[in-house]
Amino acid sequence: MGAGILGVVRRGLRAAQVFPSVVRQLAAKFGLGRSRFTTLYRAVTDTELDDIVRTQAFRNPVGIEVKYFAMTTEGASSYAKAAGQAFGDGPFTIVETRIPTALITAEMRAVVDRGISTVTVPTNLLRRLSTPKIWNYAPVP
């Protein structure tokens, strides 16, 4: 068997081509192959939207330590609907961004407002988010 493997290596084939199931198992075990970025969504009011359009980034007012992002568009829309009903807030626009997955810690994950999976991004990491993408519609929760 050793000679067979040496022959494969000499021909320049990669381990992933020769032993795909082993490579998949190792990747799953060590968390490899996961997306390098996680997409996040936020329902924003016109005031925050204007700031995002102007700066092309998410920011927090002085004294605010985190910004909440939903893991799904439905989560962001659900928040917008609940905030509108409970507080009269709105209208809302959905904004999409991405964060390097490796930056998300267990402490940043939370479930809020009756089941919305979120990531709370500390103010000092907001600069690591991708340029916000403004949606022109919102999914109905």
C-alpha atoms as a PDB file:
ATOM      1  CA  MET A   1       0.000   0.000   0.000  1.00  0.00           C
ATOM      2  CA  GLY A   2       2.881   2.389   0.762  1.00  0.00           C
ATOM      3  CA  ALA A   3       4.185   2.112  -2.794  1.00  0.00           C
ATOM      4  CA  GLY A   4       0.722   2.877  -4.137  1.00  0.00           C
ATOM      5  CA  ILE A   5       0.483   6.072  -2.105  1.00  0.00           C
ATOM      6  CA  LEU A   6       3.999   7.086  -3.155  1.00  0.00           C
ATOM      7  CA  GLY A   7       3.015   6.584  -6.764  1.00  0.00           C
ATOM      8  CA  VAL A   8      -0.013   8.823  -6.282  1.00  0.00           C
ATOM      9  CA  VAL A   9       2.103  11.508  -4.623  1.00  0.00           C
ATOM     10  CA  ARG A  10       4.713  11.312  -7.390  1.00  0.00           C
ATOM     11  CA  ARG A  11       1.995  11.872  -9.981  1.00  0.00           C
ATOM     12  CA  GLY A  12       1.004  15.038  -8.135  1.00  0.00           C
ATOM     13  CA  LEU A  13      -2.495  14.051  -7.016  1.00  0.00           C
ATOM     14  CA  ARG A  14      -3.696  15.705  -3.863  1.00  0.00           C
ATOM     15  CA  ALA A  15      -4.889  13.783  -0.825  1.00  0.00           C
ATOM     16  CA  ALA A  16      -8.390  15.183  -1.324  1.00  0.00           C
ATOM     17  CA  GLN A  17      -8.533  13.514  -4.733  1.00  0.00           C
ATOM     18  CA  VAL A  18      -7.300  10.149  -3.426  1.00  0.00           C
ATOM     19  CA  PHE A  19      -9.018   9.980  -0.036  1.00  0.00           C
ATOM     20  CA  PRO A  20     -12.090  12.251  -0.296  1.00  0.00           C
ATOM     21  CA  SER A  21     -14.060  10.608   2.509  1.00  0.00           C
ATOM     22  CA  VAL A  22     -11.131  10.909   4.938  1.00  0.00           C
ATOM     23  CA  VAL A  23     -10.657  14.560   4.036  1.00  0.00           C
ATOM     24  CA  ARG A  24     -14.401  15.273   4.549  1.00  0.00           C
ATOM     25  CA  GLN A  25     -14.351  13.562   7.949  1.00  0.00           C
ATOM     26  CA  LEU A  26     -11.302  15.532   9.097  1.00  0.00           C
ATOM     27  CA  ALA A  27     -12.792  18.786   7.837  1.00  0.00           C
ATOM     28  CA  ALA A  28     -16.016  18.147   9.748  1.00  0.00           C
ATOM     29  CA  LYS A  29     -14.148  17.182  12.920  1.00  0.00           C
ATOM     30  CA  PHE A  30     -12.002  20.317  12.954  1.00  0.00           C
ATOM     31  CA  GLY A  31     -14.584  22.754  11.602  1.00  0.00           C
ATOM     32  CA  LEU A  32     -12.799  23.208   8.298  1.00  0.00           C
ATOM     33  CA  GLY A  33     -14.729  23.897   5.161  1.00  0.00           C
ATOM     34  CA  ARG A  34     -17.170  26.164   6.977  1.00  0.00           C
ATOM     35  CA  SER A  35     -17.859  29.410   5.300  1.00  0.00           C
ATOM     36  CA  ARG A  36     -15.231  32.033   6.002  1.00  0.00           C
ATOM     37  CA  PHE A  37     -17.984  34.636   6.345  1.00  0.00           C
ATOM     38  CA  THR A  38     -21.366  34.706   8.043  1.00  0.00           C
ATOM     39  CA  THR A  39     -24.143  36.815   6.533  1.00  0.00           C
ATOM     40  CA  LEU A  40     -26.068  38.993   8.981  1.00  0.00           C
ATOM     41  CA  TYR A  41     -29.214  41.110   8.620  1.00  0.00           C
ATOM     42  CA  ARG A  42     -30.484  44.156  10.460  1.00  0.00           C
ATOM     43  CA  ALA A  43     -33.778  46.051  10.333  1.00  0.00           C
ATOM     44  CA  VAL A  44     -32.935  49.761  10.486  1.00  0.00           C
ATOM     45  CA  THR A  45     -35.011  52.914  10.771  1.00  0.00           C
ATOM     46  CA  ASP A  46     -34.584  55.839   8.398  1.00  0.00           C
ATOM     47  CA  THR A  47     -32.142  57.582  10.757  1.00  0.00           C
ATOM     48  CA  GLU A  48     -29.763  54.621  10.842  1.00  0.00           C
ATOM     49  CA  LEU A  49     -30.275  54.020   7.121  1.00  0.00           C
ATOM     50  CA  ASP A  50     -29.242  57.610   6.335  1.00  0.00           C
ATOM     51  CA  ASP A  51     -26.066  57.102   8.400  1.00  0.00           C
ATOM     52  CA  ILE A  52     -25.299  53.833   6.599  1.00  0.00           C
ATOM     53  CA  VAL A  53     -25.783  55.456   3.194  1.00  0.00           C
ATOM     54  CA  ARG A  54     -23.524  58.351   4.193  1.00  0.00           C
ATOM     55  CA  THR A  55     -20.714  56.311   5.799  1.00  0.00           C
ATOM     56  CA  GLN A  56     -21.102  52.964   3.997  1.00  0.00           C
ATOM     57  CA  ALA A  57     -20.679  51.305   7.405  1.00  0.00           C
ATOM     58  CA  PHE A  58     -22.434  50.434  10.637  1.00  0.00           C
ATOM     59  CA  ARG A  59     -21.703  52.681  13.613  1.00  0.00           C
ATOM     60  CA  ASN A  60     -22.884  52.996  17.186  1.00  0.00           C
ATOM     61  CA  PRO A  61     -23.542  56.182  19.122  1.00  0.00           C
ATOM     62  CA  VAL A  62     -21.070  56.875  21.931  1.00  0.00           C
ATOM     63  CA  GLY A  63     -21.813  54.634  24.909  1.00  0.00           C
ATOM     64  CA  ILE A  64     -23.507  51.828  22.957  1.00  0.00           C
ATOM     65  CA  GLU A  65     -21.411  48.665  23.224  1.00  0.00           C
ATOM     66  CA  VAL A  66     -23.033  46.245  20.746  1.00  0.00           C
ATOM     67  CA  LYS A  67     -25.250  46.171  17.680  1.00  0.00           C
ATOM     68  CA  TYR A  68     -27.721  43.307  17.165  1.00  0.00           C
ATOM     69  CA  PHE A  69     -27.904  41.469  13.840  1.00  0.00           C
ATOM     70  CA  ALA A  70     -30.313  38.682  12.913  1.00  0.00           C
ATOM     71  CA  MET A  71     -28.979  35.502  11.372  1.00  0.00           C
ATOM     72  CA  THR A  72     -31.816  35.444   8.814  1.00  0.00           C
ATOM     73  CA  THR A  73     -33.843  37.932   6.814  1.00  0.00           C
ATOM     74  CA  GLU A  74     -36.960  36.522   8.448  1.00  0.00           C
ATOM     75  CA  GLY A  75     -35.480  37.279  11.876  1.00  0.00           C
ATOM     76  CA  ALA A  76     -34.754  40.889  10.924  1.00  0.00           C
ATOM     77  CA  SER A  77     -38.256  41.280   9.461  1.00  0.00           C
ATOM     78  CA  SER A  78     -39.819  39.704  12.536  1.00  0.00           C
ATOM     79  CA  TYR A  79     -37.986  42.198  14.756  1.00  0.00           C
ATOM     80  CA  ALA A  80     -39.166  45.087  12.564  1.00  0.00           C
ATOM     81  CA  LYS A  81     -42.773  43.900  12.751  1.00  0.00           C
ATOM     82  CA  ALA A  82     -42.640  43.454  16.548  1.00  0.00           C
ATOM     83  CA  ALA A  83     -40.950  46.839  17.123  1.00  0.00           C
ATOM     84  CA  GLY A  84     -43.513  48.520  14.915  1.00  0.00           C
ATOM     85  CA  GLN A  85     -46.406  46.962  16.806  1.00  0.00           C
ATOM     86  CA  ALA A  86     -44.973  47.415  20.305  1.00  0.00           C
ATOM     87  CA  PHE A  87     -43.331  50.834  20.025  1.00  0.00           C
ATOM     88  CA  GLY A  88     -44.640  52.395  16.828  1.00  0.00           C
ATOM     89  CA  ASP A  89     -41.127  52.308  15.365  1.00  0.00           C
ATOM     90  CA  GLY A  90     -40.542  52.257  11.634  1.00  0.00           C
ATOM     91  CA  PRO A  91     -40.601  52.198   8.796  1.00  0.00           C
ATOM     92  CA  PHE A  92     -37.740  49.701   8.583  1.00  0.00           C
ATOM     93  CA  THR A  93     -35.321  48.717   5.848  1.00  0.00           C
ATOM     94  CA  ILE A  94     -33.416  45.428   5.824  1.00  0.00           C
ATOM     95  CA  VAL A  95     -29.658  45.790   5.523  1.00  0.00           C
ATOM     96  CA  GLU A  96     -27.299  42.891   4.872  1.00  0.00           C
ATOM     97  CA  THR A  97     -23.637  42.553   5.817  1.00  0.00           C
ATOM     98  CA  ARG A  98     -21.041  39.853   6.391  1.00  0.00           C
ATOM     99  CA  ILE A  99     -18.600  39.198   9.213  1.00  0.00           C
ATOM    100  CA  PRO A 100     -15.609  36.863   9.234  1.00  0.00           C
ATOM    101  CA  THR A 101     -16.992  33.718  10.873  1.00  0.00           C
ATOM    102  CA  ALA A 102     -13.859  33.314  12.991  1.00  0.00           C
ATOM    103  CA  LEU A 103     -14.701  36.565  14.819  1.00  0.00           C
ATOM    104  CA  ILE A 104     -18.030  35.267  16.138  1.00  0.00           C
ATOM    105  CA  THR A 105     -17.663  33.960  19.679  1.00  0.00           C
ATOM    106  CA  ALA A 106     -20.189  32.001  21.711  1.00  0.00           C
ATOM    107  CA  GLU A 107     -20.769  35.116  23.828  1.00  0.00           C
ATOM    108  CA  MET A 108     -21.851  37.034  20.727  1.00  0.00           C
ATOM    109  CA  ARG A 109     -24.673  34.585  19.931  1.00  0.00           C
ATOM    110  CA  ALA A 110     -28.097  35.119  21.460  1.00  0.00           C
ATOM    111  CA  VAL A 111     -31.735  34.277  20.882  1.00  0.00           C
ATOM    112  CA  VAL A 112     -33.979  37.304  21.397  1.00  0.00           C
ATOM    113  CA  ASP A 113     -37.564  38.451  20.915  1.00  0.00           C
ATOM    114  CA  ARG A 114     -39.256  35.065  20.920  1.00  0.00           C
ATOM    115  CA  GLY A 115     -36.755  33.046  18.951  1.00  0.00           C
ATOM    116  CA  ILE A 116     -34.742  35.355  16.693  1.00  0.00           C
ATOM    117  CA  SER A 117     -31.185  33.990  16.409  1.00  0.00           C
ATOM    118  CA  THR A 118     -28.819  36.936  16.572  1.00  0.00           C
ATOM    119  CA  VAL A 119     -25.184  37.917  16.688  1.00  0.00           C
ATOM    120  CA  THR A 120     -24.310  40.890  18.881  1.00  0.00           C
ATOM    121  CA  VAL A 121     -21.358  42.632  17.287  1.00  0.00           C
ATOM    122  CA  PRO A 122     -19.276  44.743  19.686  1.00  0.00           C
ATOM    123  CA  THR A 123     -18.700  48.326  18.575  1.00  0.00           C
ATOM    124  CA  ASN A 124     -14.969  47.681  18.143  1.00  0.00           C
ATOM    125  CA  LEU A 125     -15.734  44.929  15.569  1.00  0.00           C
ATOM    126  CA  LEU A 126     -18.233  46.894  13.478  1.00  0.00           C
ATOM    127  CA  ARG A 127     -15.371  48.018  11.228  1.00  0.00           C
ATOM    128  CA  ARG A 128     -14.780  44.338  10.343  1.00  0.00           C
ATOM    129  CA  LEU A 129     -18.236  44.040   8.752  1.00  0.00           C
ATOM    130  CA  SER A 130     -18.524  44.179   4.983  1.00  0.00           C
ATOM    131  CA  THR A 131     -20.021  47.214   3.282  1.00  0.00           C
ATOM    132  CA  PRO A 132     -23.758  47.143   4.030  1.00  0.00           C
ATOM    133  CA  LYS A 133     -26.111  46.055   1.246  1.00  0.00           C
ATOM    134  CA  ILE A 134     -29.482  47.791   1.417  1.00  0.00           C
ATOM    135  CA  TRP A 135     -32.474  45.661   0.453  1.00  0.00           C
ATOM    136  CA  ASN A 136     -35.369  47.225  -1.439  1.00  0.00           C
ATOM    137  CA  TYR A 137     -37.873  44.791   0.118  1.00  0.00           C
ATOM    138  CA  ALA A 138     -38.398  42.879   3.353  1.00  0.00           C
ATOM    139  CA  PRO A 139     -39.563  39.284   3.700  1.00  0.00           C
ATOM    140  CA  VAL A 140     -42.905  38.958   5.482  1.00  0.00           C
ATOM    141  CA  PRO A 141     -42.369  37.155   8.803  1.00  0.00           C
END
